Amino acid sequence: MLRTLQVALYVVAVVLFWLLAFRMAAVALRLNPYRPAVQWLFRITEPLVRPFRRRIARTSPRLEYAALPPMLLLLLIIVLIGLKTWLGR
């Protein structure tokens, strides 16, 4: 049961990490925000980015720094689960 929960958390963390990476790429590449795929991406990742947006000033219109803290937290979760699996149960 615990192993299944770890695998599920790991998969969710990896998927969210890549969605945030795609969001940063969409902002950097200035993709059309009215396209359905871009709107879906922003709608899915907005709850993760919103708490950090108020604290992190947007200094560049081409970079979204508010997506970095949740990406780092997800990366930490991914690494910790990977280490726990690698070092043993």
Protein backbone atom coordinates (compact mmCIF):
# COMPACT_ATOMS: atom_id res chain seq x y z
CA MET A 1 0.00 0.00 0.00
CA LEU A 2 2.75 2.44 0.94
CA ARG A 3 4.74 1.54 -2.17
CA THR A 4 1.71 2.28 -4.35
CA LEU A 5 1.30 5.66 -2.68
CA GLN A 6 4.98 6.47 -3.30
CA VAL A 7 4.69 5.54 -6.96
CA ALA A 8 1.53 7.63 -7.35
CA LEU A 9 3.15 10.65 -5.65
CA TYR A 10 6.24 10.23 -7.82
CA VAL A 11 4.20 10.11 -11.05
CA VAL A 12 2.12 13.15 -10.06
CA ALA A 13 5.25 15.11 -9.11
CA VAL A 14 6.96 14.30 -12.42
CA VAL A 15 3.89 15.23 -14.48
CA LEU A 16 3.41 18.51 -12.62
CA PHE A 17 7.12 19.31 -12.95
CA TRP A 18 6.94 18.93 -16.73
CA LEU A 19 3.71 20.90 -16.96
CA LEU A 20 5.41 23.77 -15.13
CA ALA A 21 8.41 23.47 -17.44
CA PHE A 22 6.11 23.68 -20.47
CA ARG A 23 4.40 26.70 -18.90
CA MET A 24 7.76 28.46 -18.54
CA ALA A 25 8.59 27.59 -22.15
CA ALA A 26 5.20 28.90 -23.33
CA VAL A 27 5.86 32.23 -21.61
CA ALA A 28 9.43 32.44 -22.90
CA LEU A 29 8.40 31.60 -26.46
CA ARG A 30 5.41 33.95 -26.25
CA LEU A 31 2.92 31.39 -27.42
CA ASN A 32 -0.55 32.67 -28.19
CA PRO A 33 -2.41 32.65 -24.82
CA TYR A 34 -5.75 32.24 -26.61
CA ARG A 35 -4.90 28.79 -27.96
CA PRO A 36 -6.85 26.08 -26.12
CA ALA A 37 -3.75 24.03 -25.28
CA VAL A 38 -1.98 27.04 -23.75
CA GLN A 39 -5.11 28.03 -21.82
CA TRP A 40 -5.42 24.48 -20.49
CA LEU A 41 -1.75 24.47 -19.44
CA PHE A 42 -2.12 27.76 -17.58
CA ARG A 43 -5.40 26.67 -15.95
CA ILE A 44 -3.83 23.42 -14.68
CA THR A 45 -0.62 25.00 -13.34
CA GLU A 46 -2.07 28.26 -12.00
CA PRO A 47 -2.89 26.89 -8.50
CA LEU A 48 0.78 25.93 -8.09
CA VAL A 49 2.13 29.28 -9.30
CA ARG A 50 -0.37 31.69 -7.73
CA PRO A 51 1.03 31.64 -4.13
CA PHE A 52 4.50 32.51 -5.39
CA ARG A 53 3.47 35.18 -7.89
CA ARG A 54 2.65 37.66 -5.13
CA ARG A 55 6.07 37.21 -3.54
CA ILE A 56 8.22 37.11 -6.65
CA ALA A 57 8.33 40.20 -8.82
CA ARG A 58 8.20 39.59 -12.54
CA THR A 59 11.30 41.38 -13.75
CA SER A 60 11.23 40.09 -17.30
CA PRO A 61 8.20 39.68 -19.55
CA ARG A 62 9.79 36.60 -21.13
CA LEU A 63 10.51 34.69 -17.92
CA GLU A 64 8.09 33.45 -15.32
CA TYR A 65 10.09 33.21 -12.12
CA ALA A 66 7.00 32.36 -10.06
CA ALA A 67 7.03 28.85 -11.56
CA LEU A 68 10.52 28.11 -10.23
CA PRO A 69 9.73 27.53 -6.52
CA PRO A 70 7.02 24.92 -7.17
CA MET A 71 9.33 23.27 -9.71
CA LEU A 72 12.09 23.08 -7.11
CA LEU A 73 9.71 21.64 -4.52
CA LEU A 74 8.51 19.01 -6.98
CA LEU A 75 12.10 18.21 -7.91
CA LEU A 76 12.91 17.76 -4.22
CA ILE A 77 9.98 15.34 -3.85
CA ILE A 78 11.13 13.42 -6.93
CA VAL A 79 14.70 13.15 -5.64
CA LEU A 80 13.65 12.12 -2.12
CA ILE A 81 11.35 9.39 -3.39
CA GLY A 82 14.06 8.23 -5.80
CA LEU A 83 16.66 8.13 -3.02
CA LYS A 84 14.33 6.25 -0.71
CA THR A 85 13.70 3.69 -3.44
CA TRP A 86 17.37 3.44 -4.40
CA LEU A 87 18.68 3.13 -0.84
CA GLY A 88 16.12 0.52 0.09
CA ARG A 89 12.71 0.34 1.55
